[in-house]
Amino acid sequence: QVQLVESGGGLVQAGGSLRLSCAASGSIFSRNAMGWYRQAPGKLREFVARISGGGIPNYADSVKGRFTISRDNAKNTVYLQMNGLKPEDTGVYLCQLMEYWGKGTLVTVSS
């Protein structure tokens, strides 16, 4: 059984930064891609960023140039560095590994 635990969310002013972490249990982490998604109130879950097992990232257009995804396979952890935050970045951020999802961490960006 794989468990994913996100942390690092909080309240920040527009233009600020946050760094999210997602720690994974289990032995499948290093071989597989990890993703970050977000869900704003009343909206569908949307893709934010993804990193392959080999460390190749890709991003949603809305966050390119502001967010950076990285991973530390020794720590079974994936990170999302978020800079230049905007109010529209507000939402619950969830990490994903194969069919597994974390419970999410709330990011609130005030204007």
PDB file of N, CA and C in Angstrom:
ATOM      1  N   GLN A   1       0.841  -1.187   0.000  1.00  0.00           N
ATOM      2  CA  GLN A   1       0.000   0.000   0.000  1.00  0.00           C
ATOM      3  C   GLN A   1       0.881   1.243   0.000  1.00  0.00           C
ATOM      4  N   VAL A   2       0.591   2.158  -0.894  1.00  0.00           N
ATOM      5  CA  VAL A   2       1.345   3.408  -0.983  1.00  0.00           C
ATOM      6  C   VAL A   2       0.574   4.508  -0.270  1.00  0.00           C
ATOM      7  N   GLN A   3       1.276   5.281   0.527  1.00  0.00           N
ATOM      8  CA  GLN A   3       0.668   6.451   1.162  1.00  0.00           C
ATOM      9  C   GLN A   3       1.423   7.696   0.737  1.00  0.00           C
ATOM     10  N   LEU A   4       0.682   8.745   0.448  1.00  0.00           N
ATOM     11  CA  LEU A   4       1.248  10.026   0.055  1.00  0.00           C
ATOM     12  C   LEU A   4       0.787  11.083   1.047  1.00  0.00           C
ATOM     13  N   VAL A   5       1.735  11.838   1.579  1.00  0.00           N
ATOM     14  CA  VAL A   5       1.409  12.867   2.565  1.00  0.00           C
ATOM     15  C   VAL A   5       1.990  14.195   2.113  1.00  0.00           C
ATOM     16  N   GLU A   6       1.104  15.146   1.835  1.00  0.00           N
ATOM     17  CA  GLU A   6       1.528  16.478   1.414  1.00  0.00           C
ATOM     18  C   GLU A   6       1.694  17.397   2.625  1.00  0.00           C
ATOM     19  N   SER A   7       2.571  18.388   2.472  1.00  0.00           N
ATOM     20  CA  SER A   7       2.750  19.407   3.497  1.00  0.00           C
ATOM     21  C   SER A   7       3.268  20.672   2.849  1.00  0.00           C
ATOM     22  N   GLY A   8       3.229  21.771   3.619  1.00  0.00           N
ATOM     23  CA  GLY A   8       3.813  23.018   3.147  1.00  0.00           C
ATOM     24  C   GLY A   8       2.828  24.072   2.697  1.00  0.00           C
ATOM     25  N   GLY A   9       1.548  23.746   2.687  1.00  0.00           N
ATOM     26  CA  GLY A   9       0.558  24.737   2.302  1.00  0.00           C
ATOM     27  C   GLY A   9       0.407  25.824   3.350  1.00  0.00           C
ATOM     28  N   GLY A  10      -0.348  26.856   3.006  1.00  0.00           N
ATOM     29  CA  GLY A  10      -0.580  27.930   3.943  1.00  0.00           C
ATOM     30  C   GLY A  10      -1.169  29.140   3.257  1.00  0.00           C
ATOM     31  N   LEU A  11      -1.193  30.238   4.010  1.00  0.00           N
ATOM     32  CA  LEU A  11      -1.715  31.507   3.513  1.00  0.00           C
ATOM     33  C   LEU A  11      -0.546  32.411   3.137  1.00  0.00           C
ATOM     34  N   VAL A  12      -0.592  32.952   1.943  1.00  0.00           N
ATOM     35  CA  VAL A  12       0.482  33.813   1.477  1.00  0.00           C
ATOM     36  C   VAL A  12      -0.106  34.948   0.649  1.00  0.00           C
ATOM     37  N   GLN A  13       0.557  36.084   0.642  1.00  0.00           N
ATOM     38  CA  GLN A  13       0.113  37.205  -0.176  1.00  0.00           C
ATOM     39  C   GLN A  13       0.516  36.987  -1.629  1.00  0.00           C
ATOM     40  N   ALA A  14      -0.213  37.620  -2.521  1.00  0.00           N
ATOM     41  CA  ALA A  14       0.117  37.554  -3.936  1.00  0.00           C
ATOM     42  C   ALA A  14       1.565  38.001  -4.140  1.00  0.00           C
ATOM     43  N   GLY A  15       2.265  37.267  -4.983  1.00  0.00           N
ATOM     44  CA  GLY A  15       3.673  37.529  -5.223  1.00  0.00           C
ATOM     45  C   GLY A  15       4.603  36.732  -4.337  1.00  0.00           C
ATOM     46  N   GLY A  16       4.055  36.092  -3.325  1.00  0.00           N
ATOM     47  CA  GLY A  16       4.856  35.318  -2.394  1.00  0.00           C
ATOM     48  C   GLY A  16       5.195  33.933  -2.904  1.00  0.00           C
ATOM     49  N   SER A  17       5.843  33.162  -2.023  1.00  0.00           N
ATOM     50  CA  SER A  17       6.310  31.827  -2.386  1.00  0.00           C
ATOM     51  C   SER A  17       5.928  30.810  -1.328  1.00  0.00           C
ATOM     52  N   LEU A  18       5.771  29.581  -1.765  1.00  0.00           N
ATOM     53  CA  LEU A  18       5.595  28.434  -0.882  1.00  0.00           C
ATOM     54  C   LEU A  18       6.308  27.241  -1.500  1.00  0.00           C
ATOM     55  N   ARG A  19       6.716  26.316  -0.649  1.00  0.00           N
ATOM     56  CA  ARG A  19       7.303  25.073  -1.126  1.00  0.00           C
ATOM     57  C   ARG A  19       6.503  23.915  -0.558  1.00  0.00           C
ATOM     58  N   LEU A  20       5.897  23.165  -1.440  1.00  0.00           N
ATOM     59  CA  LEU A  20       5.127  21.998  -1.034  1.00  0.00           C
ATOM     60  C   LEU A  20       6.000  20.753  -1.101  1.00  0.00           C
ATOM     61  N   SER A  21       5.716  19.815  -0.215  1.00  0.00           N
ATOM     62  CA  SER A  21       6.401  18.530  -0.210  1.00  0.00           C
ATOM     63  C   SER A  21       5.367  17.414  -0.227  1.00  0.00           C
ATOM     64  N   CYS A  22       5.739  16.305  -0.826  1.00  0.00           N
ATOM     65  CA  CYS A  22       4.895  15.111  -0.807  1.00  0.00           C
ATOM     66  C   CYS A  22       5.803  13.922  -0.523  1.00  0.00           C
ATOM     67  N   ALA A  23       5.604  13.319   0.635  1.00  0.00           N
ATOM     68  CA  ALA A  23       6.395  12.161   1.031  1.00  0.00           C
ATOM     69  C   ALA A  23       5.619  10.894   0.733  1.00  0.00           C
ATOM     70  N   ALA A  24       6.292   9.944   0.099  1.00  0.00           N
ATOM     71  CA  ALA A  24       5.646   8.702  -0.297  1.00  0.00           C
ATOM     72  C   ALA A  24       6.232   7.516   0.446  1.00  0.00           C
ATOM     73  N   SER A  25       5.375   6.617   0.846  1.00  0.00           N
ATOM     74  CA  SER A  25       5.839   5.349   1.407  1.00  0.00           C
ATOM     75  C   SER A  25       5.908   4.323   0.277  1.00  0.00           C
ATOM     76  N   GLY A  26       6.545   3.216   0.535  1.00  0.00           N
ATOM     77  CA  GLY A  26       6.587   2.167  -0.481  1.00  0.00           C
ATOM     78  C   GLY A  26       7.811   2.240  -1.349  1.00  0.00           C
ATOM     79  N   SER A  27       8.037   1.207  -2.140  1.00  0.00           N
ATOM     80  CA  SER A  27       9.272   1.080  -2.900  1.00  0.00           C
ATOM     81  C   SER A  27       9.128   1.440  -4.359  1.00  0.00           C
ATOM     82  N   ILE A  28       7.949   1.911  -4.767  1.00  0.00           N
ATOM     83  CA  ILE A  28       7.736   2.167  -6.185  1.00  0.00           C
ATOM     84  C   ILE A  28       8.051   3.607  -6.582  1.00  0.00           C
ATOM     85  N   PHE A  29       8.408   4.405  -5.601  1.00  0.00           N
ATOM     86  CA  PHE A  29       8.531   5.843  -5.850  1.00  0.00           C
ATOM     87  C   PHE A  29       9.525   6.153  -6.956  1.00  0.00           C
ATOM     88  N   SER A  30      10.753   5.654  -6.821  1.00  0.00           N
ATOM     89  CA  SER A  30      11.833   6.111  -7.696  1.00  0.00           C
ATOM     90  C   SER A  30      11.635   5.706  -9.153  1.00  0.00           C
ATOM     91  N   ARG A  31      10.807   4.727  -9.415  1.00  0.00           N
ATOM     92  CA  ARG A  31      10.644   4.247 -10.780  1.00  0.00           C
ATOM     93  C   ARG A  31       9.524   4.954 -11.533  1.00  0.00           C
ATOM     94  N   ASN A  32       8.759   5.721 -10.830  1.00  0.00           N
ATOM     95  CA  ASN A  32       7.536   6.240 -11.415  1.00  0.00           C
ATOM     96  C   ASN A  32       7.428   7.760 -11.410  1.00  0.00           C
ATOM     97  N   ALA A  33       6.644   8.263 -12.347  1.00  0.00           N
ATOM     98  CA  ALA A  33       6.368   9.691 -12.388  1.00  0.00           C
ATOM     99  C   ALA A  33       5.504  10.097 -11.206  1.00  0.00           C
ATOM    100  N   MET A  34       5.685  11.328 -10.796  1.00  0.00           N
ATOM    101  CA  MET A  34       4.874  11.910  -9.732  1.00  0.00           C
ATOM    102  C   MET A  34       4.220  13.161 -10.283  1.00  0.00           C
ATOM    103  N   GLY A  35       3.017  13.428  -9.821  1.00  0.00           N
ATOM    104  CA  GLY A  35       2.326  14.614 -10.297  1.00  0.00           C
ATOM    105  C   GLY A  35       1.770  15.454  -9.168  1.00  0.00           C
ATOM    106  N   TRP A  36       1.629  16.741  -9.444  1.00  0.00           N
ATOM    107  CA  TRP A  36       0.909  17.659  -8.570  1.00  0.00           C
ATOM    108  C   TRP A  36      -0.336  18.141  -9.318  1.00  0.00           C
ATOM    109  N   TYR A  37      -1.446  18.144  -8.610  1.00  0.00           N
ATOM    110  CA  TYR A  37      -2.703  18.645  -9.130  1.00  0.00           C
ATOM    111  C   TYR A  37      -3.270  19.626  -8.112  1.00  0.00           C
ATOM    112  N   ARG A  38      -4.249  20.400  -8.523  1.00  0.00           N
ATOM    113  CA  ARG A  38      -4.898  21.292  -7.571  1.00  0.00           C
ATOM    114  C   ARG A  38      -6.392  21.356  -7.872  1.00  0.00           C
ATOM    115  N   GLN A  39      -7.132  21.675  -6.826  1.00  0.00           N
ATOM    116  CA  GLN A  39      -8.572  21.813  -6.971  1.00  0.00           C
ATOM    117  C   GLN A  39      -9.040  23.025  -6.197  1.00  0.00           C
ATOM    118  N   ALA A  40      -9.549  23.988  -6.923  1.00  0.00           N
ATOM    119  CA  ALA A  40     -10.104  25.187  -6.309  1.00  0.00           C
ATOM    120  C   ALA A  40     -11.562  24.936  -5.954  1.00  0.00           C
ATOM    121  N   PRO A  41     -12.090  25.690  -5.006  1.00  0.00           N
ATOM    122  CA  PRO A  41     -13.503  25.504  -4.611  1.00  0.00           C
ATOM    123  C   PRO A  41     -14.434  25.637  -5.809  1.00  0.00           C
ATOM    124  N   GLY A  42     -15.293  24.650  -5.983  1.00  0.00           N
ATOM    125  CA  GLY A  42     -16.270  24.692  -7.058  1.00  0.00           C
ATOM    126  C   GLY A  42     -15.721  24.396  -8.437  1.00  0.00           C
ATOM    127  N   LYS A  43     -14.455  24.004  -8.507  1.00  0.00           N
ATOM    128  CA  LYS A  43     -13.848  23.731  -9.814  1.00  0.00           C
ATOM    129  C   LYS A  43     -13.343  22.296  -9.882  1.00  0.00           C
ATOM    130  N   LEU A  44     -13.086  21.855 -11.099  1.00  0.00           N
ATOM    131  CA  LEU A  44     -12.550  20.526 -11.297  1.00  0.00           C
ATOM    132  C   LEU A  44     -11.071  20.484 -10.938  1.00  0.00           C
ATOM    133  N   ARG A  45     -10.622  19.295 -10.590  1.00  0.00           N
ATOM    134  CA  ARG A  45      -9.198  19.114 -10.337  1.00  0.00           C
ATOM    135  C   ARG A  45      -8.429  19.354 -11.629  1.00  0.00           C
ATOM    136  N   GLU A  46      -7.302  20.054 -11.527  1.00  0.00           N
ATOM    137  CA  GLU A  46      -6.513  20.345 -12.715  1.00  0.00           C
ATOM    138  C   GLU A  46      -5.048  19.999 -12.513  1.00  0.00           C
ATOM    139  N   PHE A  47      -4.418  19.646 -13.597  1.00  0.00           N
ATOM    140  CA  PHE A  47      -2.998  19.302 -13.605  1.00  0.00           C
ATOM    141  C   PHE A  47      -2.154  20.545 -13.356  1.00  0.00           C
ATOM    142  N   VAL A  48      -1.117  20.396 -12.547  1.00  0.00           N
ATOM    143  CA  VAL A  48      -0.180  21.478 -12.279  1.00  0.00           C
ATOM    144  C   VAL A  48       1.199  21.151 -12.836  1.00  0.00           C
ATOM    145  N   ALA A  49       1.759  20.037 -12.425  1.00  0.00           N
ATOM    146  CA  ALA A  49       3.116  19.688 -12.846  1.00  0.00           C
ATOM    147  C   ALA A  49       3.314  18.186 -12.670  1.00  0.00           C
ATOM    148  N   ARG A  50       4.316  17.695 -13.384  1.00  0.00           N
ATOM    149  CA  ARG A  50       4.628  16.273 -13.337  1.00  0.00           C
ATOM    150  C   ARG A  50       6.133  16.120 -13.502  1.00  0.00           C
ATOM    151  N   ILE A  51       6.691  15.118 -12.854  1.00  0.00           N
ATOM    152  CA  ILE A  51       8.109  14.819 -13.037  1.00  0.00           C
ATOM    153  C   ILE A  51       8.271  13.334 -13.263  1.00  0.00           C
ATOM    154  N   SER A  52       9.011  12.959 -14.280  1.00  0.00           N
ATOM    155  CA  SER A  52       9.197  11.551 -14.603  1.00  0.00           C
ATOM    156  C   SER A  52      10.127  10.879 -13.597  1.00  0.00           C
ATOM    157  N   GLY A  53      10.199   9.553 -13.655  1.00  0.00           N
ATOM    158  CA  GLY A  53      11.118   8.833 -12.794  1.00  0.00           C
ATOM    159  C   GLY A  53      12.564   9.276 -13.007  1.00  0.00           C
ATOM    160  N   GLY A  54      12.866   9.720 -14.238  1.00  0.00           N
ATOM    161  CA  GLY A  54      14.209  10.194 -14.552  1.00  0.00           C
ATOM    162  C   GLY A  54      14.420  11.672 -14.303  1.00  0.00           C
ATOM    163  N   GLY A  55      13.400  12.349 -13.783  1.00  0.00           N
ATOM    164  CA  GLY A  55      13.562  13.749 -13.405  1.00  0.00           C
ATOM    165  C   GLY A  55      13.174  14.763 -14.459  1.00  0.00           C
ATOM    166  N   ILE A  56      12.497  14.346 -15.499  1.00  0.00           N
ATOM    167  CA  ILE A  56      12.078  15.290 -16.539  1.00  0.00           C
ATOM    168  C   ILE A  56      10.740  15.901 -16.147  1.00  0.00           C
ATOM    169  N   PRO A  57      10.692  17.238 -16.072  1.00  0.00           N
ATOM    170  CA  PRO A  57       9.454  17.893 -15.641  1.00  0.00           C
ATOM    171  C   PRO A  57       8.586  18.351 -16.806  1.00  0.00           C
ATOM    172  N   ASN A  58       7.315  18.509 -16.528  1.00  0.00           N
ATOM    173  CA  ASN A  58       6.473  19.291 -17.423  1.00  0.00           C
ATOM    174  C   ASN A  58       5.402  19.976 -16.592  1.00  0.00           C
ATOM    175  N   TYR A  59       4.896  21.087 -17.135  1.00  0.00           N
ATOM    176  CA  TYR A  59       4.055  21.996 -16.367  1.00  0.00           C
ATOM    177  C   TYR A  59       2.812  22.406 -17.147  1.00  0.00           C
ATOM    178  N   ALA A  60       1.786  22.739 -16.392  1.00  0.00           N
ATOM    179  CA  ALA A  60       0.631  23.400 -16.998  1.00  0.00           C
ATOM    180  C   ALA A  60       1.071  24.788 -17.450  1.00  0.00           C
ATOM    181  N   ASP A  61       0.468  25.273 -18.521  1.00  0.00           N
ATOM    182  CA  ASP A  61       0.850  26.590 -19.036  1.00  0.00           C
ATOM    183  C   ASP A  61       0.676  27.684 -17.990  1.00  0.00           C
ATOM    184  N   SER A  62      -0.319  27.509 -17.134  1.00  0.00           N
ATOM    185  CA  SER A  62      -0.638  28.552 -16.158  1.00  0.00           C
ATOM    186  C   SER A  62       0.438  28.735 -15.095  1.00  0.00           C
ATOM    187  N   VAL A  63       1.331  27.754 -14.944  1.00  0.00           N
ATOM    188  CA  VAL A  63       2.350  27.844 -13.887  1.00  0.00           C
ATOM    189  C   VAL A  63       3.768  27.861 -14.440  1.00  0.00           C
ATOM    190  N   LYS A  64       3.930  27.724 -15.735  1.00  0.00           N
ATOM    191  CA  LYS A  64       5.268  27.720 -16.323  1.00  0.00           C
ATOM    192  C   LYS A  64       6.002  28.996 -15.997  1.00  0.00           C
ATOM    193  N   GLY A  65       7.252  28.844 -15.604  1.00  0.00           N
ATOM    194  CA  GLY A  65       8.070  29.999 -15.261  1.00  0.00           C
ATOM    195  C   GLY A  65       7.913  30.460 -13.828  1.00  0.00           C
ATOM    196  N   ARG A  66       6.919  29.929 -13.121  1.00  0.00           N
ATOM    197  CA  ARG A  66       6.698  30.318 -11.719  1.00  0.00           C
ATOM    198  C   ARG A  66       6.880  29.131 -10.770  1.00  0.00           C
ATOM    199  N   PHE A  67       6.505  27.945 -11.203  1.00  0.00           N
ATOM    200  CA  PHE A  67       6.581  26.752 -10.346  1.00  0.00           C
ATOM    201  C   PHE A  67       7.706  25.844 -10.837  1.00  0.00           C
ATOM    202  N   THR A  68       8.329  25.152  -9.883  1.00  0.00           N
ATOM    203  CA  THR A  68       9.368  24.182 -10.220  1.00  0.00           C
ATOM    204  C   THR A  68       9.116  22.899  -9.448  1.00  0.00           C
ATOM    205  N   ILE A  69       9.036  21.793 -10.167  1.00  0.00           N
ATOM    206  CA  ILE A  69       8.865  20.491  -9.540  1.00  0.00           C
ATOM    207  C   ILE A  69      10.216  19.779  -9.493  1.00  0.00           C
ATOM    208  N   SER A  70      10.474  19.093  -8.398  1.00  0.00           N
ATOM    209  CA  SER A  70      11.723  18.345  -8.260  1.00  0.00           C
ATOM    210  C   SER A  70      11.453  17.118  -7.391  1.00  0.00           C
ATOM    211  N   ARG A  71      12.410  16.222  -7.361  1.00  0.00           N
ATOM    212  CA  ARG A  71      12.228  15.018  -6.559  1.00  0.00           C
ATOM    213  C   ARG A  71      13.545  14.605  -5.940  1.00  0.00           C
ATOM    214  N   ASP A  72      13.443  13.942  -4.794  1.00  0.00           N
ATOM    215  CA  ASP A  72      14.596  13.380  -4.106  1.00  0.00           C
ATOM    216  C   ASP A  72      14.260  11.910  -3.879  1.00  0.00           C
ATOM    217  N   ASN A  73      14.781  11.056  -4.728  1.00  0.00           N
ATOM    218  CA  ASN A  73      14.425   9.639  -4.647  1.00  0.00           C
ATOM    219  C   ASN A  73      14.948   8.997  -3.364  1.00  0.00           C
ATOM    220  N   ALA A  74      16.034   9.514  -2.823  1.00  0.00           N
ATOM    221  CA  ALA A  74      16.568   8.957  -1.574  1.00  0.00           C
ATOM    222  C   ALA A  74      15.616   9.193  -0.413  1.00  0.00           C
ATOM    223  N   LYS A  75      14.835  10.269  -0.525  1.00  0.00           N
ATOM    224  CA  LYS A  75      13.883  10.609   0.541  1.00  0.00           C
ATOM    225  C   LYS A  75      12.442  10.268   0.164  1.00  0.00           C
ATOM    226  N   ASN A  76      12.251   9.660  -1.020  1.00  0.00           N
ATOM    227  CA  ASN A  76      10.888   9.356  -1.494  1.00  0.00           C
ATOM    228  C   ASN A  76       9.988  10.581  -1.434  1.00  0.00           C
ATOM    229  N   THR A  77      10.520  11.712  -1.861  1.00  0.00           N
ATOM    230  CA  THR A  77       9.784  12.963  -1.727  1.00  0.00           C
ATOM    231  C   THR A  77       9.821  13.748  -3.033  1.00  0.00           C
ATOM    232  N   VAL A  78       8.701  14.360  -3.360  1.00  0.00           N
ATOM    233  CA  VAL A  78       8.620  15.266  -4.495  1.00  0.00           C
ATOM    234  C   VAL A  78       8.249  16.643  -3.954  1.00  0.00           C
ATOM    235  N   TYR A  79       8.790  17.671  -4.592  1.00  0.00           N
ATOM    236  CA  TYR A  79       8.602  19.038  -4.124  1.00  0.00           C
ATOM    237  C   TYR A  79       7.949  19.878  -5.220  1.00  0.00           C
ATOM    238  N   LEU A  80       7.278  20.926  -4.788  1.00  0.00           N
ATOM    239  CA  LEU A  80       6.763  21.915  -5.726  1.00  0.00           C
ATOM    240  C   LEU A  80       7.084  23.289  -5.167  1.00  0.00           C
ATOM    241  N   GLN A  81       8.074  23.934  -5.771  1.00  0.00           N
ATOM    242  CA  GLN A  81       8.432  25.304  -5.391  1.00  0.00           C
ATOM    243  C   GLN A  81       7.545  26.240  -6.173  1.00  0.00           C
ATOM    244  N   MET A  82       6.812  27.072  -5.474  1.00  0.00           N
ATOM    245  CA  MET A  82       5.855  27.976  -6.106  1.00  0.00           C
ATOM    246  C   MET A  82       6.255  29.411  -5.814  1.00  0.00           C
ATOM    247  N   ASN A  83       6.611  30.128  -6.851  1.00  0.00           N
ATOM    248  CA  ASN A  83       6.986  31.531  -6.735  1.00  0.00           C
ATOM    249  C   ASN A  83       5.989  32.393  -7.500  1.00  0.00           C
ATOM    250  N   GLY A  84       5.971  33.673  -7.181  1.00  0.00           N
ATOM    251  CA  GLY A  84       5.070  34.566  -7.896  1.00  0.00           C
ATOM    252  C   GLY A  84       3.623  34.129  -7.798  1.00  0.00           C
ATOM    253  N   LEU A  85       3.203  33.729  -6.610  1.00  0.00           N
ATOM    254  CA  LEU A  85       1.846  33.188  -6.459  1.00  0.00           C
ATOM    255  C   LEU A  85       0.781  34.238  -6.753  1.00  0.00           C
ATOM    256  N   LYS A  86      -0.302  33.760  -7.317  1.00  0.00           N
ATOM    257  CA  LYS A  86      -1.433  34.604  -7.681  1.00  0.00           C
ATOM    258  C   LYS A  86      -2.693  34.100  -6.976  1.00  0.00           C
ATOM    259  N   PRO A  87      -3.678  34.957  -6.773  1.00  0.00           N
ATOM    260  CA  PRO A  87      -4.919  34.486  -6.133  1.00  0.00           C
ATOM    261  C   PRO A  87      -5.539  33.286  -6.843  1.00  0.00           C
ATOM    262  N   GLU A  88      -5.389  33.216  -8.149  1.00  0.00           N
ATOM    263  CA  GLU A  88      -5.949  32.078  -8.883  1.00  0.00           C
ATOM    264  C   GLU A  88      -5.191  30.776  -8.660  1.00  0.00           C
ATOM    265  N   ASP A  89      -4.092  30.824  -7.946  1.00  0.00           N
ATOM    266  CA  ASP A  89      -3.380  29.589  -7.561  1.00  0.00           C
ATOM    267  C   ASP A  89      -3.985  28.959  -6.315  1.00  0.00           C
ATOM    268  N   THR A  90      -4.932  29.635  -5.701  1.00  0.00           N
ATOM    269  CA  THR A  90      -5.575  29.112  -4.494  1.00  0.00           C
ATOM    270  C   THR A  90      -6.256  27.783  -4.755  1.00  0.00           C
ATOM    271  N   GLY A  91      -6.085  26.852  -3.826  1.00  0.00           N
ATOM    272  CA  GLY A  91      -6.743  25.562  -3.940  1.00  0.00           C
ATOM    273  C   GLY A  91      -6.079  24.531  -3.062  1.00  0.00           C
ATOM    274  N   VAL A  92      -6.636  23.340  -3.082  1.00  0.00           N
ATOM    275  CA  VAL A  92      -6.017  22.208  -2.409  1.00  0.00           C
ATOM    276  C   VAL A  92      -5.073  21.540  -3.413  1.00  0.00           C
ATOM    277  N   TYR A  93      -3.836  21.386  -3.007  1.00  0.00           N
ATOM    278  CA  TYR A  93      -2.818  20.790  -3.868  1.00  0.00           C
ATOM    279  C   TYR A  93      -2.622  19.337  -3.449  1.00  0.00           C
ATOM    280  N   LEU A  94      -2.712  18.449  -4.421  1.00  0.00           N
ATOM    281  CA  LEU A  94      -2.627  17.017  -4.160  1.00  0.00           C
ATOM    282  C   LEU A  94      -1.513  16.406  -4.992  1.00  0.00           C
ATOM    283  N   CYS A  95      -0.811  15.460  -4.413  1.00  0.00           N
ATOM    284  CA  CYS A  95       0.174  14.747  -5.210  1.00  0.00           C
ATOM    285  C   CYS A  95      -0.364  13.377  -5.604  1.00  0.00           C
ATOM    286  N   GLN A  96       0.178  12.886  -6.689  1.00  0.00           N
ATOM    287  CA  GLN A  96      -0.320  11.663  -7.308  1.00  0.00           C
ATOM    288  C   GLN A  96       0.836  10.778  -7.736  1.00  0.00           C
ATOM    289  N   LEU A  97       0.703   9.492  -7.447  1.00  0.00           N
ATOM    290  CA  LEU A  97       1.676   8.482  -7.862  1.00  0.00           C
ATOM    291  C   LEU A  97       0.884   7.274  -8.343  1.00  0.00           C
ATOM    292  N   MET A  98       0.929   7.041  -9.619  1.00  0.00           N
ATOM    293  CA  MET A  98       0.137   5.972 -10.239  1.00  0.00           C
ATOM    294  C   MET A  98      -1.331   6.196  -9.872  1.00  0.00           C
ATOM    295  N   GLU A  99      -1.964   5.215  -9.245  1.00  0.00           N
ATOM    296  CA  GLU A  99      -3.384   5.383  -8.921  1.00  0.00           C
ATOM    297  C   GLU A  99      -3.602   5.932  -7.518  1.00  0.00           C
ATOM    298  N   TYR A 100      -2.512   6.321  -6.868  1.00  0.00           N
ATOM    299  CA  TYR A 100      -2.591   6.771  -5.479  1.00  0.00           C
ATOM    300  C   TYR A 100      -2.598   8.300  -5.405  1.00  0.00           C
ATOM    301  N   TRP A 101      -3.362   8.802  -4.441  1.00  0.00           N
ATOM    302  CA  TRP A 101      -3.476  10.244  -4.223  1.00  0.00           C
ATOM    303  C   TRP A 101      -3.299  10.547  -2.742  1.00  0.00           C
ATOM    304  N   GLY A 102      -2.673  11.690  -2.462  1.00  0.00           N
ATOM    305  CA  GLY A 102      -2.650  12.183  -1.105  1.00  0.00           C
ATOM    306  C   GLY A 102      -3.948  12.900  -0.775  1.00  0.00           C
ATOM    307  N   LYS A 103      -4.047  13.372   0.460  1.00  0.00           N
ATOM    308  CA  LYS A 103      -5.253  14.073   0.888  1.00  0.00           C
ATOM    309  C   LYS A 103      -5.199  15.559   0.577  1.00  0.00           C
ATOM    310  N   GLY A 104      -4.008  16.051   0.292  1.00  0.00           N
ATOM    311  CA  GLY A 104      -3.876  17.438  -0.134  1.00  0.00           C
ATOM    312  C   GLY A 104      -3.437  18.383   0.960  1.00  0.00           C
ATOM    313  N   THR A 105      -2.929  19.529   0.511  1.00  0.00           N
ATOM    314  CA  THR A 105      -2.558  20.612   1.412  1.00  0.00           C
ATOM    315  C   THR A 105      -3.116  21.900   0.818  1.00  0.00           C
ATOM    316  N   LEU A 106      -3.694  22.750   1.669  1.00  0.00           N
ATOM    317  CA  LEU A 106      -4.399  23.942   1.206  1.00  0.00           C
ATOM    318  C   LEU A 106      -3.437  25.104   1.003  1.00  0.00           C
ATOM    319  N   VAL A 107      -3.533  25.706  -0.153  1.00  0.00           N
ATOM    320  CA  VAL A 107      -2.789  26.929  -0.470  1.00  0.00           C
ATOM    321  C   VAL A 107      -3.798  28.047  -0.698  1.00  0.00           C
ATOM    322  N   THR A 108      -3.630  29.122   0.042  1.00  0.00           N
ATOM    323  CA  THR A 108      -4.507  30.280  -0.106  1.00  0.00           C
ATOM    324  C   THR A 108      -3.655  31.501  -0.409  1.00  0.00           C
ATOM    325  N   VAL A 109      -3.936  32.144  -1.530  1.00  0.00           N
ATOM    326  CA  VAL A 109      -3.183  33.320  -1.941  1.00  0.00           C
ATOM    327  C   VAL A 109      -4.116  34.522  -1.881  1.00  0.00           C
ATOM    328  N   SER A 110      -3.769  35.470  -1.036  1.00  0.00           N
ATOM    329  CA  SER A 110      -4.596  36.662  -0.878  1.00  0.00           C
ATOM    330  C   SER A 110      -4.115  37.774  -1.808  1.00  0.00           C
ATOM    331  N   SER A 111      -5.063  38.584  -2.237  1.00  0.00           N
ATOM    332  CA  SER A 111      -4.719  39.673  -3.174  1.00  0.00           C
ATOM    333  C   SER A 111      -4.382  40.948  -2.428  1.00  0.00           C
TER     334      SER A 111
END
